[in-house]
Amino acid sequence: GQDDCKQQVAINRLSRPRARRQARSNRPDQRIPDLPETANMGFLHLFIVNKSGGLIHHRPLGARAPRIGTNEWLRIGSTFHSLHAIAAEASPVRLLGNKNSDGADDGIEQIEAGGLVLSCLQTRTGVKFVITAEPGTPDLDMVLKEIYVLYADCALKDPFYELEMPIRCELFTQAVDALIERVEKTGARLR
């Protein structure tokens, strides 16, 4: 029904490639230059999925992030968890450094589409940290690792946080905001 339509609109917004505008004035000697590639770089969303496939955290990271409702996020989290598990089992190649000799822990690490890059970090405990960004956004893997450190430092050390439950830790939220702001401002590599 109406929810399916909203979900499809959100998916269409995520999968549409961004066209770079080449505006020209009437005079050939006054061409307006293309926007630099960095103008389209930016983080979109962060979501964290527990080892059972439940969404424990989601939030937009930038102004360009499409607005998606909570129910849609719950579906996205559980669907990604299932796709990650299927990809791990269906993969014919074992990745280097995999702790499982059968290759069942590989899963999805990155998906690149027109207008969107999705990057995933699965921890040893099965928690998946997933970040979406616009193509060309640097250091997605390092940002995910830093978010994992923030999760360990802020959420897991919170005496009121229970494992596998939604993360409602203001310190974690503020630390993620500061990390994203630092990465976007400096544009430099982390560490």
Protein backbone atom coordinates (compact mmCIF):
# COMPACT_ATOMS: atom_id res chain seq x y z
CA GLY A 1 0.00 0.00 0.00
CA GLN A 2 1.11 3.46 0.91
CA ASP A 3 4.09 2.23 2.99
CA ASP A 4 5.39 0.22 0.01
CA CYS A 5 5.16 3.34 -2.15
CA LYS A 6 7.12 5.40 0.41
CA GLN A 7 9.73 2.66 0.65
CA GLN A 8 10.09 2.52 -3.14
CA VAL A 9 10.48 6.31 -3.31
CA ALA A 10 13.24 6.14 -0.67
CA ILE A 11 14.98 3.32 -2.54
CA ASN A 12 14.72 5.23 -5.82
CA ARG A 13 16.29 8.29 -4.18
CA LEU A 14 19.18 6.16 -2.91
CA SER A 15 19.83 4.42 -6.22
CA ARG A 16 19.60 7.40 -8.57
CA PRO A 17 22.97 8.52 -9.90
CA ARG A 18 23.75 12.18 -9.27
CA ALA A 19 24.13 14.07 -12.51
CA ARG A 20 26.73 16.79 -12.59
CA ARG A 21 25.37 19.97 -14.06
CA GLN A 22 27.21 21.60 -16.92
CA ALA A 23 25.66 25.04 -17.08
CA ARG A 24 26.63 27.36 -19.88
CA SER A 25 25.87 31.00 -20.40
CA ASN A 26 24.87 32.49 -23.72
CA ARG A 27 28.43 33.63 -24.40
CA PRO A 28 30.94 30.88 -25.20
CA ASP A 29 33.77 32.62 -23.32
CA GLN A 30 31.84 32.57 -20.02
CA ARG A 31 31.39 28.90 -19.30
CA ILE A 32 30.43 28.04 -15.73
CA PRO A 33 32.81 25.29 -14.55
CA ASP A 34 31.63 21.90 -13.36
CA LEU A 35 31.32 21.38 -9.65
CA PRO A 36 34.29 19.54 -8.19
CA GLU A 37 33.81 15.86 -7.38
CA THR A 38 34.16 16.60 -3.66
CA ALA A 39 30.87 18.54 -3.72
CA ASN A 40 29.02 15.21 -4.00
CA MET A 41 30.94 13.46 -1.24
CA GLY A 42 29.34 12.92 2.11
CA PHE A 43 28.03 10.45 4.62
CA LEU A 44 24.35 9.53 4.44
CA HIS A 45 23.28 7.01 7.08
CA LEU A 46 24.62 4.83 9.85
CA PHE A 47 22.82 1.73 11.00
CA ILE A 48 23.86 -0.98 13.41
CA VAL A 49 22.39 -4.48 13.33
CA ASN A 50 22.79 -6.98 16.17
CA LYS A 51 23.79 -10.62 15.66
CA SER A 52 20.12 -11.68 15.50
CA GLY A 53 19.30 -9.24 12.69
CA GLY A 54 17.58 -6.64 14.85
CA LEU A 55 18.22 -2.97 14.23
CA ILE A 56 19.79 -1.46 17.35
CA HIS A 57 20.75 1.98 16.00
CA HIS A 58 20.03 4.12 12.95
CA ARG A 59 20.46 7.74 12.10
CA PRO A 60 21.10 10.11 9.23
CA LEU A 61 24.62 11.52 9.12
CA GLY A 62 24.14 14.37 6.69
CA ALA A 63 21.66 16.82 5.27
CA ARG A 64 21.52 14.93 1.96
CA ALA A 65 20.38 11.69 3.61
CA PRO A 66 16.90 10.61 2.50
CA ARG A 67 14.26 10.61 5.23
CA ILE A 68 13.23 7.05 6.02
CA GLY A 69 10.72 6.03 8.71
CA THR A 70 11.48 3.77 11.65
CA ASN A 71 9.49 0.82 10.29
CA GLU A 72 11.39 1.00 7.01
CA TRP A 73 14.67 1.07 8.93
CA LEU A 74 13.65 -2.06 10.82
CA ARG A 75 12.99 -3.78 7.49
CA ILE A 76 16.26 -2.51 5.99
CA GLY A 77 18.24 -3.78 8.99
CA SER A 78 16.74 -7.27 8.97
CA THR A 79 16.94 -7.52 5.18
CA PHE A 80 20.60 -6.51 5.19
CA HIS A 81 21.31 -9.08 7.93
CA SER A 82 19.71 -11.80 5.77
CA LEU A 83 21.53 -10.72 2.61
CA HIS A 84 24.82 -10.60 4.52
CA ALA A 85 24.29 -14.19 5.73
CA ILE A 86 23.30 -15.42 2.26
CA ALA A 87 26.32 -13.71 0.67
CA ALA A 88 28.63 -15.31 3.22
CA GLU A 89 27.29 -18.79 2.47
CA ALA A 90 27.10 -18.30 -1.30
CA SER A 91 30.62 -16.91 -1.66
CA PRO A 92 32.83 -19.42 -3.48
CA VAL A 93 36.02 -17.67 -2.32
CA ARG A 94 37.33 -17.48 1.23
CA LEU A 95 38.65 -14.00 2.05
CA LEU A 96 42.10 -13.60 3.60
CA GLY A 97 42.04 -13.25 7.37
CA ASN A 98 38.69 -14.99 7.77
CA LYS A 99 38.48 -16.76 11.12
CA ASN A 100 36.23 -19.49 9.69
CA SER A 101 37.90 -21.94 7.31
CA ASP A 102 34.58 -22.50 5.50
CA GLY A 103 34.34 -18.81 4.55
CA ALA A 104 31.01 -18.34 6.31
CA ASP A 105 32.03 -15.08 8.02
CA ASP A 106 32.82 -13.08 4.90
CA GLY A 107 29.44 -11.63 3.93
CA ILE A 108 28.99 -8.20 2.37
CA GLU A 109 31.78 -5.70 2.92
CA GLN A 110 30.92 -3.06 0.34
CA ILE A 111 28.27 -2.40 -2.29
CA GLU A 112 28.75 0.34 -4.87
CA ALA A 113 25.76 1.60 -6.82
CA GLY A 114 25.05 4.69 -8.86
CA GLY A 115 24.82 7.45 -6.26
CA LEU A 116 25.45 5.26 -3.20
CA VAL A 117 28.21 3.31 -1.48
CA LEU A 118 27.32 0.96 1.37
CA SER A 119 30.15 -0.29 3.57
CA CYS A 120 29.82 -2.88 6.35
CA LEU A 121 32.03 -3.92 9.25
CA GLN A 122 31.02 -7.13 11.03
CA THR A 123 32.56 -7.58 14.46
CA ARG A 124 33.64 -10.90 15.96
CA THR A 125 30.42 -10.90 18.00
CA GLY A 126 28.26 -10.62 14.88
CA VAL A 127 27.24 -6.96 15.25
CA LYS A 128 27.21 -5.21 11.87
CA PHE A 129 28.09 -1.54 11.51
CA VAL A 130 26.84 -0.22 8.17
CA ILE A 131 27.44 3.21 6.74
CA THR A 132 26.09 4.63 3.49
CA ALA A 133 27.74 7.50 1.68
CA GLU A 134 27.91 9.20 -1.65
CA PRO A 135 30.46 7.82 -4.13
CA GLY A 136 33.94 9.20 -3.63
CA THR A 137 33.61 9.62 0.12
CA PRO A 138 37.02 8.59 1.50
CA ASP A 139 37.92 6.39 4.45
CA LEU A 140 34.65 4.49 4.90
CA ASP A 141 36.46 1.50 6.40
CA MET A 142 38.38 3.66 8.86
CA VAL A 143 35.22 5.56 9.84
CA LEU A 144 33.46 2.24 10.53
CA LYS A 145 36.36 1.07 12.68
CA GLU A 146 36.31 4.35 14.60
CA ILE A 147 32.54 4.03 15.12
CA TYR A 148 33.12 0.50 16.45
CA VAL A 149 35.66 1.89 18.94
CA LEU A 150 33.15 4.57 19.97
CA TYR A 151 30.51 1.86 20.43
CA ALA A 152 32.87 -0.09 22.69
CA ASP A 153 33.90 3.02 24.63
CA CYS A 154 30.52 4.72 24.97
CA ALA A 155 27.66 2.24 24.62
CA LEU A 156 29.21 -0.94 26.01
CA LYS A 157 30.62 0.86 29.04
CA ASP A 158 27.26 2.45 29.81
CA PRO A 159 25.95 0.60 32.89
CA PHE A 160 22.36 0.95 31.64
CA TYR A 161 22.99 -0.51 28.18
CA GLU A 162 21.98 -4.12 27.59
CA LEU A 163 23.58 -6.11 24.77
CA GLU A 164 21.43 -6.69 21.69
CA MET A 165 19.08 -3.85 22.69
CA PRO A 166 18.68 -0.46 20.96
CA ILE A 167 21.50 1.99 21.67
CA ARG A 168 20.13 5.02 23.49
CA CYS A 169 23.40 6.49 24.70
CA GLU A 170 23.76 10.24 24.18
CA LEU A 171 27.54 10.02 24.61
CA PHE A 172 27.74 7.58 21.66
CA THR A 173 25.58 9.85 19.49
CA GLN A 174 27.69 12.90 20.30
CA ALA A 175 30.93 11.03 19.66
CA VAL A 176 29.69 9.80 16.24
CA ASP A 177 28.62 13.35 15.35
CA ALA A 178 32.05 14.69 16.32
CA LEU A 179 33.80 11.96 14.28
CA ILE A 180 31.72 12.62 11.15
CA GLU A 181 32.21 16.38 11.51
CA ARG A 182 35.98 15.93 11.91
CA VAL A 183 36.24 13.66 8.85
CA GLU A 184 34.11 15.94 6.67
CA LYS A 185 35.96 19.11 7.71
CA THR A 186 39.48 17.82 7.39
CA GLY A 187 38.90 15.49 4.47
CA ALA A 188 42.13 13.95 5.65
CA ARG A 189 42.76 10.33 6.34
CA LEU A 190 42.08 9.06 9.82
CA ARG A 191 45.19 7.95 11.73
